[in-house]
Amino acid sequence: MEFSLTGTPEIAPKLYWHNSANVLCNYMKKPEFLEIILKNQAIIPRYVIEPLDYWNIEGLKRIAFPMTCFCDIPFSKVGNHMTLYGRYGIALDKQQIINKFKVQPIHYMNPQSPLSDDFKEAFTHYFRSDKRVHDEDKILLNYLLSTLMYMKPISSPEKIGGDIKPYIFQDECEWRYIPTTNFPKSIPLLIKEDQISEKGKNAYSDVLVRHPETWIKFEWRDVKYIIVPDEPALNQIIDVIKELKLEESIKYLLISKIEISNRFSEDLT
């Protein structure tokens, strides 16, 4: 909700995107991941390891933090993305998710740009500084860390299909949800370089399962599409929906929103 200068509440106008989708899609490779989302009526964030070596900052090679990733690629262009991330998915109303969960499109950085130079200089200064006693220093450092969590290089060499190939991250059109609000104090939001391991990352992710205040708890009306790869998967997800403790009308509505990804992407690469 927005407020005018007179203090009278105004409803934000409906937005329509012309070059990107009007939904935010979370894709996955396994049907059980989609089943968990439907049974919880929520997407549970998980810790992800993010490489930071493109910044060339000594002692800062990677970090891990919890997130849920979405893309806003139209179905007509999403074939390659699904090849990498999976042909199961859930698509939520873009504007509703922006408003309710404060998701943010990430910044794709050119490491040679003046903006990157300025960020690197500021981050290096405060990352290495031992003088973090003043409130203004803490505020700036928190801002830099927050910004870092919403950054990725435009491209990078990545291992794809067993080979190292140039990969363009910007093609992913990524949005992120990072559960910073009401985050449990018992676990770290950021895992540092020397503490990162696959086992530890997964253990922290499992803790978030017990903290629904960190979840994306959507309304059924926010669901625009449920995406499955083929007819057998369609039948499997229909059975899952039928078992949900919902009114029959809502179940039928959800079933009507199922799309088979192989149909709209079979001619795409």
C-alpha atoms as a PDB file:
ATOM      1  CA  MET A   1       0.000   0.000   0.000  1.00  0.00           C
ATOM      2  CA  GLU A   2       1.248   3.480  -0.886  1.00  0.00           C
ATOM      3  CA  PHE A   3       0.460   6.791   0.815  1.00  0.00           C
ATOM      4  CA  SER A   4      -0.179  10.168  -0.750  1.00  0.00           C
ATOM      5  CA  LEU A   5       1.269  13.409   0.587  1.00  0.00           C
ATOM      6  CA  THR A   6      -2.012  14.047   2.392  1.00  0.00           C
ATOM      7  CA  GLY A   7      -1.792  10.737   4.228  1.00  0.00           C
ATOM      8  CA  THR A   8      -4.699   9.142   2.347  1.00  0.00           C
ATOM      9  CA  PRO A   9      -3.917   5.492   1.523  1.00  0.00           C
ATOM     10  CA  GLU A  10      -3.830   4.636  -2.168  1.00  0.00           C
ATOM     11  CA  ILE A  11      -3.857   1.221  -3.823  1.00  0.00           C
ATOM     12  CA  ALA A  12      -0.816   0.646  -6.017  1.00  0.00           C
ATOM     13  CA  PRO A  13      -1.819   0.372  -9.687  1.00  0.00           C
ATOM     14  CA  LYS A  14      -1.626  -3.011 -11.384  1.00  0.00           C
ATOM     15  CA  LEU A  15       1.634  -3.347 -13.283  1.00  0.00           C
ATOM     16  CA  TYR A  16       2.031  -5.172 -16.588  1.00  0.00           C
ATOM     17  CA  TRP A  17       5.446  -6.217 -17.868  1.00  0.00           C
ATOM     18  CA  HIS A  18       5.949  -6.175 -21.627  1.00  0.00           C
ATOM     19  CA  ASN A  19       9.396  -7.739 -22.083  1.00  0.00           C
ATOM     20  CA  SER A  20       9.397 -10.092 -19.105  1.00  0.00           C
ATOM     21  CA  ALA A  21       6.801 -12.340 -17.501  1.00  0.00           C
ATOM     22  CA  ASN A  22       3.990 -11.219 -15.221  1.00  0.00           C
ATOM     23  CA  VAL A  23       4.793 -14.168 -12.965  1.00  0.00           C
ATOM     24  CA  LEU A  24       7.841 -15.181 -10.931  1.00  0.00           C
ATOM     25  CA  CYS A  25       8.750 -18.853 -11.407  1.00  0.00           C
ATOM     26  CA  ASN A  26      10.628 -21.135  -9.063  1.00  0.00           C
ATOM     27  CA  TYR A  27      11.867 -24.171 -11.025  1.00  0.00           C
ATOM     28  CA  MET A  28      13.079 -27.474  -9.593  1.00  0.00           C
ATOM     29  CA  LYS A  29      14.226 -30.893 -10.812  1.00  0.00           C
ATOM     30  CA  LYS A  30      12.346 -33.282  -8.521  1.00  0.00           C
ATOM     31  CA  PRO A  31       8.582 -33.713  -8.076  1.00  0.00           C
ATOM     32  CA  GLU A  32       8.954 -34.097  -4.310  1.00  0.00           C
ATOM     33  CA  PHE A  33      10.180 -30.487  -4.097  1.00  0.00           C
ATOM     34  CA  LEU A  34       6.973 -29.305  -5.757  1.00  0.00           C
ATOM     35  CA  GLU A  35       4.917 -31.589  -3.530  1.00  0.00           C
ATOM     36  CA  ILE A  36       6.509 -30.050  -0.410  1.00  0.00           C
ATOM     37  CA  ILE A  37       5.608 -26.573  -1.656  1.00  0.00           C
ATOM     38  CA  LEU A  38       1.987 -27.542  -2.264  1.00  0.00           C
ATOM     39  CA  LYS A  39       1.622 -29.403   1.057  1.00  0.00           C
ATOM     40  CA  ASN A  40       3.065 -26.461   3.010  1.00  0.00           C
ATOM     41  CA  GLN A  41       1.445 -23.783   0.852  1.00  0.00           C
ATOM     42  CA  ALA A  42       4.875 -22.193   1.054  1.00  0.00           C
ATOM     43  CA  ILE A  43       8.356 -22.131  -0.428  1.00  0.00           C
ATOM     44  CA  ILE A  44      11.031 -22.787   2.183  1.00  0.00           C
ATOM     45  CA  PRO A  45      14.339 -20.989   1.518  1.00  0.00           C
ATOM     46  CA  ARG A  46      17.594 -22.906   1.567  1.00  0.00           C
ATOM     47  CA  TYR A  47      21.202 -21.891   2.089  1.00  0.00           C
ATOM     48  CA  VAL A  48      23.108 -21.467  -1.174  1.00  0.00           C
ATOM     49  CA  ILE A  49      26.851 -21.064  -1.668  1.00  0.00           C
ATOM     50  CA  GLU A  50      27.638 -18.026  -3.819  1.00  0.00           C
ATOM     51  CA  PRO A  51      31.122 -17.700  -5.394  1.00  0.00           C
ATOM     52  CA  LEU A  52      32.650 -14.251  -4.960  1.00  0.00           C
ATOM     53  CA  ASP A  53      35.988 -14.776  -6.674  1.00  0.00           C
ATOM     54  CA  TYR A  54      34.944 -12.429  -9.498  1.00  0.00           C
ATOM     55  CA  TRP A  55      35.566  -9.548  -7.056  1.00  0.00           C
ATOM     56  CA  ASN A  56      39.229 -10.528  -6.554  1.00  0.00           C
ATOM     57  CA  ILE A  57      39.097  -9.561  -2.874  1.00  0.00           C
ATOM     58  CA  GLU A  58      41.619 -11.468  -0.768  1.00  0.00           C
ATOM     59  CA  GLY A  59      39.918 -13.658   1.827  1.00  0.00           C
ATOM     60  CA  LEU A  60      36.511 -13.362   0.172  1.00  0.00           C
ATOM     61  CA  LYS A  61      36.053 -16.271  -2.215  1.00  0.00           C
ATOM     62  CA  ARG A  62      32.516 -17.335  -1.354  1.00  0.00           C
ATOM     63  CA  ILE A  63      29.701 -16.939   1.149  1.00  0.00           C
ATOM     64  CA  ALA A  64      26.525 -18.859   1.903  1.00  0.00           C
ATOM     65  CA  PHE A  65      23.128 -17.490   2.892  1.00  0.00           C
ATOM     66  CA  PRO A  66      19.450 -18.529   2.637  1.00  0.00           C
ATOM     67  CA  MET A  67      17.405 -17.604  -0.388  1.00  0.00           C
ATOM     68  CA  THR A  68      14.656 -18.589  -2.766  1.00  0.00           C
ATOM     69  CA  CYS A  69      15.348 -17.824  -6.414  1.00  0.00           C
ATOM     70  CA  PHE A  70      12.788 -16.928  -9.066  1.00  0.00           C
ATOM     71  CA  CYS A  71      13.046 -16.006 -12.709  1.00  0.00           C
ATOM     72  CA  ASP A  72      10.700 -13.905 -14.816  1.00  0.00           C
ATOM     73  CA  ILE A  73      11.528 -15.473 -18.176  1.00  0.00           C
ATOM     74  CA  PRO A  74       8.428 -15.818 -20.411  1.00  0.00           C
ATOM     75  CA  PHE A  75       7.433 -19.408 -21.193  1.00  0.00           C
ATOM     76  CA  SER A  76       8.330 -18.841 -24.861  1.00  0.00           C
ATOM     77  CA  LYS A  77      12.007 -18.445 -23.872  1.00  0.00           C
ATOM     78  CA  VAL A  78      12.385 -20.612 -20.787  1.00  0.00           C
ATOM     79  CA  GLY A  79      13.450 -23.907 -22.401  1.00  0.00           C
ATOM     80  CA  ASN A  80      17.188 -23.544 -21.777  1.00  0.00           C
ATOM     81  CA  HIS A  81      16.599 -22.363 -18.210  1.00  0.00           C
ATOM     82  CA  MET A  82      14.485 -25.434 -17.421  1.00  0.00           C
ATOM     83  CA  THR A  83      17.163 -27.696 -18.895  1.00  0.00           C
ATOM     84  CA  LEU A  84      19.502 -26.470 -16.147  1.00  0.00           C
ATOM     85  CA  TYR A  85      17.108 -25.976 -13.238  1.00  0.00           C
ATOM     86  CA  GLY A  86      14.315 -28.479 -13.817  1.00  0.00           C
ATOM     87  CA  ARG A  87      10.963 -28.861 -15.531  1.00  0.00           C
ATOM     88  CA  TYR A  88       8.861 -28.750 -12.378  1.00  0.00           C
ATOM     89  CA  GLY A  89       7.898 -25.365 -11.034  1.00  0.00           C
ATOM     90  CA  ILE A  90       5.443 -22.995  -9.490  1.00  0.00           C
ATOM     91  CA  ALA A  91       4.664 -19.578 -10.919  1.00  0.00           C
ATOM     92  CA  LEU A  92       3.352 -16.904  -8.561  1.00  0.00           C
ATOM     93  CA  ASP A  93       1.771 -13.551  -9.296  1.00  0.00           C
ATOM     94  CA  LYS A  94       4.699 -11.191  -9.761  1.00  0.00           C
ATOM     95  CA  GLN A  95       3.211  -8.062  -8.252  1.00  0.00           C
ATOM     96  CA  GLN A  96       1.780  -9.872  -5.232  1.00  0.00           C
ATOM     97  CA  ILE A  97       5.113 -11.528  -4.441  1.00  0.00           C
ATOM     98  CA  ILE A  98       6.960  -8.234  -4.862  1.00  0.00           C
ATOM     99  CA  ASN A  99       4.574  -6.525  -2.451  1.00  0.00           C
ATOM    100  CA  LYS A 100       4.240  -9.294   0.137  1.00  0.00           C
ATOM    101  CA  PHE A 101       7.764 -10.667   0.310  1.00  0.00           C
ATOM    102  CA  LYS A 102       9.935  -7.768  -0.906  1.00  0.00           C
ATOM    103  CA  VAL A 103      11.691  -9.875  -3.535  1.00  0.00           C
ATOM    104  CA  GLN A 104      14.384  -8.079  -5.474  1.00  0.00           C
ATOM    105  CA  PRO A 105      15.881  -8.550  -8.956  1.00  0.00           C
ATOM    106  CA  ILE A 106      19.580  -9.101  -8.537  1.00  0.00           C
ATOM    107  CA  HIS A 107      22.299  -6.826  -9.888  1.00  0.00           C
ATOM    108  CA  TYR A 108      24.370  -8.343 -12.681  1.00  0.00           C
ATOM    109  CA  MET A 109      27.783  -6.806 -12.318  1.00  0.00           C
ATOM    110  CA  ASN A 110      30.466  -6.074 -14.882  1.00  0.00           C
ATOM    111  CA  PRO A 111      33.629  -6.428 -12.736  1.00  0.00           C
ATOM    112  CA  GLN A 112      35.373  -3.855 -14.956  1.00  0.00           C
ATOM    113  CA  SER A 113      32.721  -1.155 -14.588  1.00  0.00           C
ATOM    114  CA  PRO A 114      33.156   2.030 -12.512  1.00  0.00           C
ATOM    115  CA  LEU A 115      30.271   0.884 -10.298  1.00  0.00           C
ATOM    116  CA  SER A 116      32.108  -2.372  -9.541  1.00  0.00           C
ATOM    117  CA  ASP A 117      35.324  -0.467  -8.860  1.00  0.00           C
ATOM    118  CA  ASP A 118      33.571   1.757  -6.319  1.00  0.00           C
ATOM    119  CA  PHE A 119      31.827  -1.174  -4.632  1.00  0.00           C
ATOM    120  CA  LYS A 120      35.028  -3.197  -4.430  1.00  0.00           C
ATOM    121  CA  GLU A 121      36.948  -0.267  -2.948  1.00  0.00           C
ATOM    122  CA  ALA A 122      34.273   0.404  -0.310  1.00  0.00           C
ATOM    123  CA  PHE A 123      33.786  -3.251   0.544  1.00  0.00           C
ATOM    124  CA  THR A 124      37.509  -3.957   0.753  1.00  0.00           C
ATOM    125  CA  HIS A 125      37.978  -0.987   3.072  1.00  0.00           C
ATOM    126  CA  TYR A 126      35.273  -2.060   5.530  1.00  0.00           C
ATOM    127  CA  PHE A 127      35.822  -5.802   5.134  1.00  0.00           C
ATOM    128  CA  ARG A 128      39.443  -5.482   6.237  1.00  0.00           C
ATOM    129  CA  SER A 129      38.964  -2.670   8.700  1.00  0.00           C
ATOM    130  CA  ASP A 130      39.365  -3.268  12.430  1.00  0.00           C
ATOM    131  CA  LYS A 131      37.562  -0.017  13.229  1.00  0.00           C
ATOM    132  CA  ARG A 132      33.937  -1.148  13.338  1.00  0.00           C
ATOM    133  CA  VAL A 133      32.943   0.560  16.532  1.00  0.00           C
ATOM    134  CA  HIS A 134      31.018   3.542  15.188  1.00  0.00           C
ATOM    135  CA  ASP A 135      27.354   3.156  14.295  1.00  0.00           C
ATOM    136  CA  GLU A 136      27.865   4.752  10.893  1.00  0.00           C
ATOM    137  CA  ASP A 137      30.541   2.160  10.084  1.00  0.00           C
ATOM    138  CA  LYS A 138      28.179  -0.678  11.028  1.00  0.00           C
ATOM    139  CA  ILE A 139      25.385   0.829   8.945  1.00  0.00           C
ATOM    140  CA  LEU A 140      27.617   1.070   5.895  1.00  0.00           C
ATOM    141  CA  LEU A 141      29.024  -2.435   6.371  1.00  0.00           C
ATOM    142  CA  ASN A 142      25.506  -3.873   6.689  1.00  0.00           C
ATOM    143  CA  TYR A 143      24.522  -2.073   3.494  1.00  0.00           C
ATOM    144  CA  LEU A 144      27.524  -3.472   1.636  1.00  0.00           C
ATOM    145  CA  LEU A 145      26.813  -7.021   2.861  1.00  0.00           C
ATOM    146  CA  SER A 146      23.139  -6.718   1.926  1.00  0.00           C
ATOM    147  CA  THR A 147      24.049  -5.428  -1.532  1.00  0.00           C
ATOM    148  CA  LEU A 148      26.549  -8.262  -1.974  1.00  0.00           C
ATOM    149  CA  MET A 149      23.771 -10.831  -1.426  1.00  0.00           C
ATOM    150  CA  TYR A 150      21.881  -9.410  -4.408  1.00  0.00           C
ATOM    151  CA  MET A 151      24.836  -9.451  -6.833  1.00  0.00           C
ATOM    152  CA  LYS A 152      26.122 -11.818  -9.472  1.00  0.00           C
ATOM    153  CA  PRO A 153      28.549 -11.389 -12.386  1.00  0.00           C
ATOM    154  CA  ILE A 154      27.089 -10.936 -15.860  1.00  0.00           C
ATOM    155  CA  SER A 155      28.896 -14.098 -16.934  1.00  0.00           C
ATOM    156  CA  SER A 156      31.426 -16.615 -15.699  1.00  0.00           C
ATOM    157  CA  PRO A 157      33.049 -19.893 -16.776  1.00  0.00           C
ATOM    158  CA  GLU A 158      30.866 -22.694 -15.390  1.00  0.00           C
ATOM    159  CA  LYS A 159      30.968 -26.493 -15.491  1.00  0.00           C
ATOM    160  CA  ILE A 160      28.017 -27.535 -17.665  1.00  0.00           C
ATOM    161  CA  GLY A 161      27.621 -31.106 -18.835  1.00  0.00           C
ATOM    162  CA  GLY A 162      31.136 -31.962 -17.726  1.00  0.00           C
ATOM    163  CA  ASP A 163      32.780 -29.131 -19.665  1.00  0.00           C
ATOM    164  CA  ILE A 164      33.820 -25.640 -18.588  1.00  0.00           C
ATOM    165  CA  LYS A 165      31.878 -23.175 -20.724  1.00  0.00           C
ATOM    166  CA  PRO A 166      31.113 -19.456 -20.631  1.00  0.00           C
ATOM    167  CA  TYR A 167      27.744 -18.999 -18.924  1.00  0.00           C
ATOM    168  CA  ILE A 168      25.648 -15.832 -18.994  1.00  0.00           C
ATOM    169  CA  PHE A 169      23.973 -15.402 -15.611  1.00  0.00           C
ATOM    170  CA  GLN A 170      22.038 -12.371 -16.802  1.00  0.00           C
ATOM    171  CA  ASP A 171      19.959 -14.669 -19.034  1.00  0.00           C
ATOM    172  CA  GLU A 172      18.450 -16.126 -15.840  1.00  0.00           C
ATOM    173  CA  CYS A 173      16.572 -12.888 -15.050  1.00  0.00           C
ATOM    174  CA  GLU A 174      16.902 -13.795 -11.375  1.00  0.00           C
ATOM    175  CA  TRP A 175      14.937 -12.371  -8.470  1.00  0.00           C
ATOM    176  CA  ARG A 176      15.799 -13.266  -4.884  1.00  0.00           C
ATOM    177  CA  TYR A 177      13.924 -13.631  -1.655  1.00  0.00           C
ATOM    178  CA  ILE A 178      16.291 -13.443   1.316  1.00  0.00           C
ATOM    179  CA  PRO A 179      14.517 -13.892   4.686  1.00  0.00           C
ATOM    180  CA  THR A 180      16.150 -11.072   6.619  1.00  0.00           C
ATOM    181  CA  THR A 181      12.942 -10.020   8.410  1.00  0.00           C
ATOM    182  CA  ASN A 182      12.315 -11.933  11.659  1.00  0.00           C
ATOM    183  CA  PHE A 183      15.289 -14.159  10.910  1.00  0.00           C
ATOM    184  CA  PRO A 184      16.007 -16.510  13.857  1.00  0.00           C
ATOM    185  CA  LYS A 185      18.909 -15.333  15.986  1.00  0.00           C
ATOM    186  CA  SER A 186      19.971 -18.909  16.698  1.00  0.00           C
ATOM    187  CA  ILE A 187      21.512 -19.354  13.229  1.00  0.00           C
ATOM    188  CA  PRO A 188      23.706 -17.052  11.121  1.00  0.00           C
ATOM    189  CA  LEU A 189      22.260 -15.296   8.107  1.00  0.00           C
ATOM    190  CA  LEU A 190      25.692 -15.273   6.459  1.00  0.00           C
ATOM    191  CA  ILE A 191      28.129 -18.192   6.634  1.00  0.00           C
ATOM    192  CA  LYS A 192      31.719 -17.044   6.219  1.00  0.00           C
ATOM    193  CA  GLU A 193      34.359 -18.482   3.915  1.00  0.00           C
ATOM    194  CA  ASP A 194      36.142 -20.564   6.548  1.00  0.00           C
ATOM    195  CA  GLN A 195      32.887 -22.060   7.880  1.00  0.00           C
ATOM    196  CA  ILE A 196      31.240 -23.144   4.627  1.00  0.00           C
ATOM    197  CA  SER A 197      30.708 -26.838   3.919  1.00  0.00           C
ATOM    198  CA  GLU A 198      27.995 -28.790   2.112  1.00  0.00           C
ATOM    199  CA  LYS A 199      27.105 -30.567   5.349  1.00  0.00           C
ATOM    200  CA  GLY A 200      26.867 -27.318   7.304  1.00  0.00           C
ATOM    201  CA  LYS A 201      24.904 -25.567   4.566  1.00  0.00           C
ATOM    202  CA  ASN A 202      22.356 -28.393   4.475  1.00  0.00           C
ATOM    203  CA  ALA A 203      22.136 -28.491   8.280  1.00  0.00           C
ATOM    204  CA  TYR A 204      21.298 -24.788   8.430  1.00  0.00           C
ATOM    205  CA  SER A 205      18.742 -25.274   5.632  1.00  0.00           C
ATOM    206  CA  ASP A 206      17.085 -28.026   7.666  1.00  0.00           C
ATOM    207  CA  VAL A 207      16.779 -25.624  10.602  1.00  0.00           C
ATOM    208  CA  LEU A 208      14.736 -23.228   8.429  1.00  0.00           C
ATOM    209  CA  VAL A 209      12.144 -25.974   7.968  1.00  0.00           C
ATOM    210  CA  ARG A 210      11.305 -25.402  11.648  1.00  0.00           C
ATOM    211  CA  HIS A 211      11.019 -21.628  11.216  1.00  0.00           C
ATOM    212  CA  PRO A 212       7.929 -20.804   9.130  1.00  0.00           C
ATOM    213  CA  GLU A 213       8.495 -17.097   9.764  1.00  0.00           C
ATOM    214  CA  THR A 214      11.237 -17.348   7.099  1.00  0.00           C
ATOM    215  CA  TRP A 215       9.031 -19.018   4.471  1.00  0.00           C
ATOM    216  CA  ILE A 216       7.242 -17.585   1.447  1.00  0.00           C
ATOM    217  CA  LYS A 217       3.714 -18.401   2.587  1.00  0.00           C
ATOM    218  CA  PHE A 218       1.632 -17.540  -0.467  1.00  0.00           C
ATOM    219  CA  GLU A 219      -2.123 -17.477  -0.982  1.00  0.00           C
ATOM    220  CA  TRP A 220      -3.636 -19.991  -3.367  1.00  0.00           C
ATOM    221  CA  ARG A 221      -4.916 -17.095  -5.463  1.00  0.00           C
ATOM    222  CA  ASP A 222      -1.278 -16.039  -5.967  1.00  0.00           C
ATOM    223  CA  VAL A 223      -0.581 -19.288  -7.845  1.00  0.00           C
ATOM    224  CA  LYS A 224      -0.786 -18.672 -11.585  1.00  0.00           C
ATOM    225  CA  TYR A 225       0.737 -21.903 -12.897  1.00  0.00           C
ATOM    226  CA  ILE A 226       1.894 -25.262 -11.562  1.00  0.00           C
ATOM    227  CA  ILE A 227       4.469 -26.663 -13.973  1.00  0.00           C
ATOM    228  CA  VAL A 228       5.194 -30.353 -14.620  1.00  0.00           C
ATOM    229  CA  PRO A 229       7.226 -31.962 -17.428  1.00  0.00           C
ATOM    230  CA  ASP A 230       4.801 -34.566 -18.843  1.00  0.00           C
ATOM    231  CA  GLU A 231       1.508 -36.459 -18.501  1.00  0.00           C
ATOM    232  CA  PRO A 232       2.712 -38.970 -15.846  1.00  0.00           C
ATOM    233  CA  ALA A 233       3.941 -36.057 -13.710  1.00  0.00           C
ATOM    234  CA  LEU A 234       0.605 -34.335 -14.299  1.00  0.00           C
ATOM    235  CA  ASN A 235      -1.275 -37.304 -12.852  1.00  0.00           C
ATOM    236  CA  GLN A 236       1.110 -37.478  -9.884  1.00  0.00           C
ATOM    237  CA  ILE A 237       0.629 -33.804  -8.970  1.00  0.00           C
ATOM    238  CA  ILE A 238      -3.143 -34.079  -9.434  1.00  0.00           C
ATOM    239  CA  ASP A 239      -3.130 -36.904  -6.868  1.00  0.00           C
ATOM    240  CA  VAL A 240      -1.123 -34.697  -4.482  1.00  0.00           C
ATOM    241  CA  ILE A 241      -3.585 -31.828  -4.885  1.00  0.00           C
ATOM    242  CA  LYS A 242      -6.558 -34.133  -4.298  1.00  0.00           C
ATOM    243  CA  GLU A 243      -5.054 -35.133  -0.932  1.00  0.00           C
ATOM    244  CA  LEU A 244      -4.668 -31.544   0.267  1.00  0.00           C
ATOM    245  CA  LYS A 245      -7.028 -30.457   3.046  1.00  0.00           C
ATOM    246  CA  LEU A 246      -8.792 -27.860   0.925  1.00  0.00           C
ATOM    247  CA  GLU A 247     -12.257 -27.138  -0.364  1.00  0.00           C
ATOM    248  CA  GLU A 248     -13.017 -29.056  -3.531  1.00  0.00           C
ATOM    249  CA  SER A 249     -13.417 -25.824  -5.487  1.00  0.00           C
ATOM    250  CA  ILE A 250      -9.848 -24.771  -4.610  1.00  0.00           C
ATOM    251  CA  LYS A 251      -8.492 -28.189  -5.568  1.00  0.00           C
ATOM    252  CA  TYR A 252     -10.147 -27.994  -8.992  1.00  0.00           C
ATOM    253  CA  LEU A 253      -8.870 -24.458  -9.427  1.00  0.00           C
ATOM    254  CA  LEU A 254      -5.288 -25.577  -8.699  1.00  0.00           C
ATOM    255  CA  ILE A 255      -5.603 -28.537 -11.066  1.00  0.00           C
ATOM    256  CA  SER A 256      -6.769 -26.161 -13.798  1.00  0.00           C
ATOM    257  CA  LYS A 257      -3.526 -24.188 -13.397  1.00  0.00           C
ATOM    258  CA  ILE A 258      -1.217 -27.122 -14.198  1.00  0.00           C
ATOM    259  CA  GLU A 259       0.876 -26.657 -17.340  1.00  0.00           C
ATOM    260  CA  ILE A 260       3.010 -29.335 -19.022  1.00  0.00           C
ATOM    261  CA  SER A 261       6.416 -27.786 -19.707  1.00  0.00           C
ATOM    262  CA  ASN A 262       7.353 -30.200 -22.501  1.00  0.00           C
ATOM    263  CA  ARG A 263       4.437 -28.841 -24.517  1.00  0.00           C
ATOM    264  CA  PHE A 264       5.437 -25.180 -24.445  1.00  0.00           C
ATOM    265  CA  SER A 265       9.197 -25.752 -24.608  1.00  0.00           C
ATOM    266  CA  GLU A 266       9.683 -28.772 -26.869  1.00  0.00           C
ATOM    267  CA  ASP A 267      10.855 -26.622 -29.758  1.00  0.00           C
ATOM    268  CA  LEU A 268      13.116 -24.417 -27.612  1.00  0.00           C
ATOM    269  CA  THR A 269      16.774 -24.858 -26.745  1.00  0.00           C
END
